Amino acid sequence: MILNITGRNLEVTPAIRDYVQSKIGRLNKHFDTVVEAQIILSVERLKHTAEVTLPVTGKILHCSDSEESLYAAIDLLTDKLERQIVKYKTKSQSHPPHHAAPKRLESSLA
């Protein structure tokens, strides 16, 4: 997983970068291909916000969360994003049952 981490009104330190990579990196188990995620971390007064945009096939998953602590915001963001990914994967993998053509139904009944 390729992570683009940017900070608004915040310097992204190596410790923050490592923490984000470890948390968001665990979501890599849901994907077979390489995906690119855009993560934006911002601070406004006492509110730390973490946002992520994850483009997947046919859809763009976006999630954001705000907390008093940046690490808590990243944790909650990861949980929300994981729920969205699981929901997306189950929807994309479940297919409606194939219905047999009426001609075949008549021949099988006879």
N, C-alpha and C. Protein backbone atom coordinates (compact mmCIF):
# COMPACT_ATOMS: atom_id res chain seq x y z
N MET A 1 0.85 -1.17 0.00
CA MET A 1 0.00 0.00 0.00
C MET A 1 0.90 1.23 0.00
N ILE A 2 0.61 2.15 -0.92
CA ILE A 2 1.37 3.39 -1.01
C ILE A 2 0.60 4.46 -0.25
N LEU A 3 1.26 5.08 0.71
CA LEU A 3 0.61 6.10 1.54
C LEU A 3 1.22 7.47 1.25
N ASN A 4 0.38 8.43 0.89
CA ASN A 4 0.79 9.82 0.74
C ASN A 4 0.28 10.57 1.95
N ILE A 5 1.17 10.92 2.86
CA ILE A 5 0.78 11.55 4.12
C ILE A 5 1.16 13.03 4.05
N THR A 6 0.17 13.90 4.25
CA THR A 6 0.41 15.33 4.26
C THR A 6 -0.14 15.92 5.55
N GLY A 7 0.44 17.02 5.97
CA GLY A 7 0.00 17.69 7.18
C GLY A 7 -0.41 19.12 6.91
N ARG A 8 -1.51 19.53 7.47
CA ARG A 8 -1.97 20.91 7.39
C ARG A 8 -1.83 21.53 8.76
N ASN A 9 -1.08 22.60 8.84
CA ASN A 9 -0.78 23.26 10.12
C ASN A 9 -0.12 22.29 11.10
N LEU A 10 0.62 21.34 10.55
CA LEU A 10 1.22 20.28 11.34
C LEU A 10 2.42 19.72 10.60
N GLU A 11 3.49 19.52 11.29
CA GLU A 11 4.66 18.87 10.70
C GLU A 11 4.53 17.37 10.93
N VAL A 12 4.62 16.62 9.85
CA VAL A 12 4.51 15.16 9.95
C VAL A 12 5.89 14.62 10.35
N THR A 13 6.01 14.27 11.62
CA THR A 13 7.28 13.76 12.14
C THR A 13 7.43 12.28 11.77
N PRO A 14 8.65 11.76 11.86
CA PRO A 14 8.83 10.33 11.57
C PRO A 14 8.00 9.43 12.50
N ALA A 15 7.79 9.85 13.74
CA ALA A 15 6.98 9.05 14.66
C ALA A 15 5.53 8.98 14.20
N ILE A 16 4.99 10.11 13.76
CA ILE A 16 3.61 10.14 13.26
C ILE A 16 3.51 9.33 11.98
N ARG A 17 4.50 9.48 11.10
CA ARG A 17 4.50 8.75 9.83
C ARG A 17 4.53 7.24 10.08
N ASP A 18 5.36 6.79 11.02
CA ASP A 18 5.44 5.36 11.35
C ASP A 18 4.12 4.86 11.94
N TYR A 19 3.51 5.68 12.79
CA TYR A 19 2.24 5.28 13.41
C TYR A 19 1.14 5.13 12.35
N VAL A 20 1.07 6.08 11.43
CA VAL A 20 0.07 6.01 10.37
C VAL A 20 0.33 4.79 9.48
N GLN A 21 1.59 4.56 9.14
CA GLN A 21 1.92 3.41 8.29
C GLN A 21 1.58 2.09 8.97
N SER A 22 1.78 2.00 10.27
CA SER A 22 1.46 0.75 10.97
C SER A 22 -0.06 0.55 11.05
N LYS A 23 -0.81 1.62 11.31
CA LYS A 23 -2.26 1.50 11.44
C LYS A 23 -2.94 1.28 10.09
N ILE A 24 -2.64 2.12 9.11
CA ILE A 24 -3.27 2.00 7.80
C ILE A 24 -2.70 0.78 7.06
N GLY A 25 -1.47 0.43 7.34
CA GLY A 25 -0.84 -0.72 6.68
C GLY A 25 -1.52 -2.03 7.00
N ARG A 26 -2.17 -2.13 8.14
CA ARG A 26 -2.86 -3.38 8.48
C ARG A 26 -4.08 -3.61 7.60
N LEU A 27 -4.56 -2.56 6.92
CA LEU A 27 -5.69 -2.69 6.00
C LEU A 27 -5.25 -3.30 4.68
N ASN A 28 -3.97 -3.44 4.48
CA ASN A 28 -3.41 -4.00 3.25
C ASN A 28 -3.83 -5.46 3.05
N LYS A 29 -4.19 -6.13 4.13
CA LYS A 29 -4.59 -7.54 4.03
C LYS A 29 -5.88 -7.73 3.24
N HIS A 30 -6.65 -6.65 3.06
CA HIS A 30 -7.91 -6.73 2.34
C HIS A 30 -7.75 -6.60 0.83
N PHE A 31 -6.53 -6.23 0.37
CA PHE A 31 -6.33 -5.97 -1.05
C PHE A 31 -5.28 -6.90 -1.63
N ASP A 32 -5.53 -7.34 -2.87
CA ASP A 32 -4.57 -8.17 -3.58
C ASP A 32 -3.61 -7.32 -4.40
N THR A 33 -4.07 -6.16 -4.84
CA THR A 33 -3.25 -5.29 -5.69
C THR A 33 -2.71 -4.13 -4.87
N VAL A 34 -1.82 -3.38 -5.48
CA VAL A 34 -1.26 -2.20 -4.83
C VAL A 34 -2.28 -1.08 -4.90
N VAL A 35 -2.57 -0.49 -3.77
CA VAL A 35 -3.50 0.63 -3.73
C VAL A 35 -2.78 1.83 -3.14
N GLU A 36 -3.27 3.00 -3.50
CA GLU A 36 -2.65 4.24 -3.05
C GLU A 36 -3.65 4.99 -2.19
N ALA A 37 -3.24 5.40 -1.01
CA ALA A 37 -4.12 6.11 -0.10
C ALA A 37 -3.55 7.50 0.17
N GLN A 38 -4.44 8.48 0.19
CA GLN A 38 -4.06 9.86 0.51
C GLN A 38 -4.53 10.15 1.93
N ILE A 39 -3.59 10.47 2.83
CA ILE A 39 -3.91 10.75 4.22
C ILE A 39 -3.57 12.19 4.52
N ILE A 40 -4.53 12.92 5.08
CA ILE A 40 -4.32 14.32 5.44
C ILE A 40 -4.53 14.45 6.94
N LEU A 41 -3.52 14.97 7.61
CA LEU A 41 -3.58 15.21 9.05
C LEU A 41 -3.59 16.72 9.26
N SER A 42 -4.50 17.21 10.10
CA SER A 42 -4.57 18.65 10.32
C SER A 42 -4.88 18.95 11.78
N VAL A 43 -4.53 20.18 12.15
CA VAL A 43 -4.76 20.65 13.52
C VAL A 43 -5.42 22.02 13.44
N GLU A 44 -6.53 22.18 14.18
CA GLU A 44 -7.18 23.48 14.35
C GLU A 44 -7.51 23.63 15.82
N ARG A 45 -6.82 24.52 16.45
CA ARG A 45 -6.94 24.75 17.90
C ARG A 45 -6.74 23.45 18.66
N LEU A 46 -7.76 22.94 19.30
CA LEU A 46 -7.60 21.70 20.08
C LEU A 46 -8.20 20.50 19.38
N LYS A 47 -8.50 20.65 18.09
CA LYS A 47 -9.13 19.57 17.36
C LYS A 47 -8.16 19.02 16.31
N HIS A 48 -7.79 17.75 16.45
CA HIS A 48 -6.93 17.07 15.49
C HIS A 48 -7.82 16.26 14.55
N THR A 49 -7.59 16.42 13.26
CA THR A 49 -8.41 15.75 12.26
C THR A 49 -7.54 14.88 11.38
N ALA A 50 -8.02 13.68 11.10
CA ALA A 50 -7.34 12.75 10.19
C ALA A 50 -8.35 12.36 9.12
N GLU A 51 -7.93 12.48 7.85
CA GLU A 51 -8.78 12.13 6.72
C GLU A 51 -8.02 11.18 5.82
N VAL A 52 -8.76 10.28 5.17
CA VAL A 52 -8.14 9.36 4.22
C VAL A 52 -9.05 9.23 3.00
N THR A 53 -8.43 9.19 1.84
CA THR A 53 -9.13 8.95 0.59
C THR A 53 -8.47 7.74 -0.06
N LEU A 54 -9.28 6.72 -0.33
CA LEU A 54 -8.77 5.46 -0.85
C LEU A 54 -9.54 5.09 -2.10
N PRO A 55 -8.94 5.26 -3.28
CA PRO A 55 -9.64 4.86 -4.50
C PRO A 55 -9.56 3.35 -4.70
N VAL A 56 -10.71 2.74 -4.87
CA VAL A 56 -10.79 1.31 -5.16
C VAL A 56 -11.56 1.15 -6.47
N THR A 57 -11.62 -0.02 -7.00
CA THR A 57 -12.27 -0.25 -8.28
C THR A 57 -13.74 0.17 -8.24
N GLY A 58 -14.08 1.16 -9.04
CA GLY A 58 -15.46 1.59 -9.15
C GLY A 58 -15.95 2.51 -8.05
N LYS A 59 -15.09 2.90 -7.13
CA LYS A 59 -15.55 3.70 -6.01
C LYS A 59 -14.38 4.41 -5.35
N ILE A 60 -14.66 5.47 -4.62
CA ILE A 60 -13.64 6.15 -3.82
C ILE A 60 -14.14 6.14 -2.38
N LEU A 61 -13.38 5.52 -1.50
CA LEU A 61 -13.73 5.48 -0.08
C LEU A 61 -13.09 6.69 0.60
N HIS A 62 -13.90 7.45 1.31
CA HIS A 62 -13.39 8.63 2.02
C HIS A 62 -13.89 8.56 3.46
N CYS A 63 -13.00 8.91 4.37
CA CYS A 63 -13.34 8.81 5.78
C CYS A 63 -12.57 9.90 6.53
N SER A 64 -13.18 10.47 7.56
CA SER A 64 -12.48 11.45 8.38
C SER A 64 -12.96 11.33 9.82
N ASP A 65 -12.08 11.76 10.72
CA ASP A 65 -12.42 11.72 12.13
C ASP A 65 -11.66 12.81 12.87
N SER A 66 -12.26 13.35 13.92
CA SER A 66 -11.63 14.40 14.72
C SER A 66 -11.65 14.02 16.18
N GLU A 67 -10.56 14.28 16.84
CA GLU A 67 -10.43 13.99 18.27
C GLU A 67 -9.51 15.04 18.89
N GLU A 68 -9.37 14.98 20.21
CA GLU A 68 -8.45 15.88 20.90
C GLU A 68 -7.01 15.46 20.71
N SER A 69 -6.78 14.18 20.48
CA SER A 69 -5.44 13.64 20.26
C SER A 69 -5.33 13.16 18.82
N LEU A 70 -4.20 13.43 18.18
CA LEU A 70 -3.99 13.00 16.81
C LEU A 70 -3.96 11.48 16.70
N TYR A 71 -3.34 10.82 17.67
CA TYR A 71 -3.26 9.35 17.65
C TYR A 71 -4.64 8.72 17.80
N ALA A 72 -5.49 9.31 18.64
CA ALA A 72 -6.85 8.79 18.80
C ALA A 72 -7.65 8.98 17.52
N ALA A 73 -7.44 10.10 16.83
CA ALA A 73 -8.13 10.35 15.57
C ALA A 73 -7.70 9.33 14.51
N ILE A 74 -6.42 9.00 14.48
CA ILE A 74 -5.91 8.01 13.54
C ILE A 74 -6.48 6.63 13.85
N ASP A 75 -6.57 6.28 15.13
CA ASP A 75 -7.14 4.98 15.52
C ASP A 75 -8.60 4.86 15.07
N LEU A 76 -9.41 5.89 15.37
CA LEU A 76 -10.82 5.84 15.00
C LEU A 76 -10.99 5.86 13.48
N LEU A 77 -10.14 6.60 12.80
CA LEU A 77 -10.18 6.65 11.34
C LEU A 77 -9.91 5.28 10.75
N THR A 78 -8.93 4.58 11.29
CA THR A 78 -8.58 3.25 10.80
C THR A 78 -9.74 2.28 10.99
N ASP A 79 -10.40 2.35 12.13
CA ASP A 79 -11.55 1.48 12.38
C ASP A 79 -12.70 1.76 11.40
N LYS A 80 -12.99 3.03 11.17
CA LYS A 80 -14.05 3.39 10.23
C LYS A 80 -13.72 2.92 8.83
N LEU A 81 -12.48 3.14 8.42
CA LEU A 81 -12.07 2.76 7.07
C LEU A 81 -12.12 1.25 6.89
N GLU A 82 -11.74 0.51 7.91
CA GLU A 82 -11.79 -0.95 7.81
C GLU A 82 -13.23 -1.43 7.63
N ARG A 83 -14.17 -0.82 8.35
CA ARG A 83 -15.57 -1.19 8.19
C ARG A 83 -16.05 -0.88 6.77
N GLN A 84 -15.64 0.27 6.23
CA GLN A 84 -16.03 0.62 4.86
C GLN A 84 -15.45 -0.37 3.85
N ILE A 85 -14.19 -0.77 4.05
CA ILE A 85 -13.55 -1.70 3.13
C ILE A 85 -14.24 -3.05 3.16
N VAL A 86 -14.55 -3.54 4.36
CA VAL A 86 -15.23 -4.84 4.48
C VAL A 86 -16.60 -4.78 3.83
N LYS A 87 -17.32 -3.68 4.02
CA LYS A 87 -18.64 -3.52 3.41
C LYS A 87 -18.50 -3.49 1.89
N TYR A 88 -17.53 -2.77 1.37
CA TYR A 88 -17.30 -2.70 -0.07
C TYR A 88 -16.94 -4.07 -0.64
N LYS A 89 -16.06 -4.80 0.06
CA LYS A 89 -15.63 -6.11 -0.44
C LYS A 89 -16.77 -7.11 -0.43
N THR A 90 -17.61 -7.11 0.60
CA THR A 90 -18.72 -8.06 0.64
C THR A 90 -19.74 -7.74 -0.44
N LYS A 91 -19.98 -6.45 -0.71
CA LYS A 91 -20.92 -6.08 -1.77
C LYS A 91 -20.39 -6.47 -3.13
N SER A 92 -19.10 -6.27 -3.35
CA SER A 92 -18.54 -6.55 -4.67
C SER A 92 -18.38 -8.05 -4.92
N GLN A 93 -18.25 -8.84 -3.86
CA GLN A 93 -18.04 -10.27 -4.03
C GLN A 93 -19.34 -11.06 -4.04
N SER A 94 -20.41 -10.49 -3.54
CA SER A 94 -21.68 -11.22 -3.54
C SER A 94 -22.39 -10.94 -4.86
N HIS A 95 -22.76 -11.99 -5.54
CA HIS A 95 -23.45 -11.88 -6.81
C HIS A 95 -24.83 -12.50 -6.67
N PRO A 96 -25.82 -11.95 -7.39
CA PRO A 96 -27.14 -12.58 -7.33
C PRO A 96 -27.10 -13.95 -8.00
N PRO A 97 -27.95 -14.87 -7.58
CA PRO A 97 -27.92 -16.21 -8.19
C PRO A 97 -28.31 -16.14 -9.65
N HIS A 98 -27.70 -16.98 -10.45
CA HIS A 98 -28.02 -17.03 -11.86
C HIS A 98 -29.34 -17.76 -12.05
N HIS A 99 -30.19 -17.16 -12.83
CA HIS A 99 -31.47 -17.77 -13.11
C HIS A 99 -31.37 -18.54 -14.42
N ALA A 100 -31.95 -19.69 -14.44
CA ALA A 100 -31.92 -20.50 -15.66
C ALA A 100 -32.89 -19.92 -16.68
N ALA A 101 -32.55 -20.10 -17.92
CA ALA A 101 -33.41 -19.63 -19.00
C ALA A 101 -34.73 -20.40 -18.98
N PRO A 102 -35.84 -19.78 -19.39
CA PRO A 102 -37.13 -20.49 -19.39
C PRO A 102 -37.13 -21.74 -20.24
N LYS A 103 -36.36 -21.75 -21.33
CA LYS A 103 -36.31 -22.95 -22.18
C LYS A 103 -35.74 -24.13 -21.40
N ARG A 104 -34.74 -23.87 -20.62
CA ARG A 104 -34.10 -24.95 -19.86
C ARG A 104 -35.01 -25.45 -18.73
N LEU A 105 -35.79 -24.55 -18.16
CA LEU A 105 -36.70 -24.94 -17.10
C LEU A 105 -37.76 -25.91 -17.64
N GLU A 106 -38.29 -25.63 -18.82
CA GLU A 106 -39.32 -26.49 -19.40
C GLU A 106 -38.77 -27.89 -19.71
N SER A 107 -37.53 -27.95 -20.21
CA SER A 107 -36.98 -29.25 -20.56
C SER A 107 -36.61 -30.05 -19.32
N SER A 108 -36.23 -29.37 -18.25
CA SER A 108 -35.87 -30.11 -17.04
C SER A 108 -37.11 -30.61 -16.30
N LEU A 109 -38.25 -29.93 -16.46
CA LEU A 109 -39.48 -30.37 -15.81
C LEU A 109 -40.11 -31.55 -16.53
N ALA A 110 -39.86 -31.68 -17.79
CA ALA A 110 -40.50 -32.74 -18.57
C ALA A 110 -39.81 -34.07 -18.38
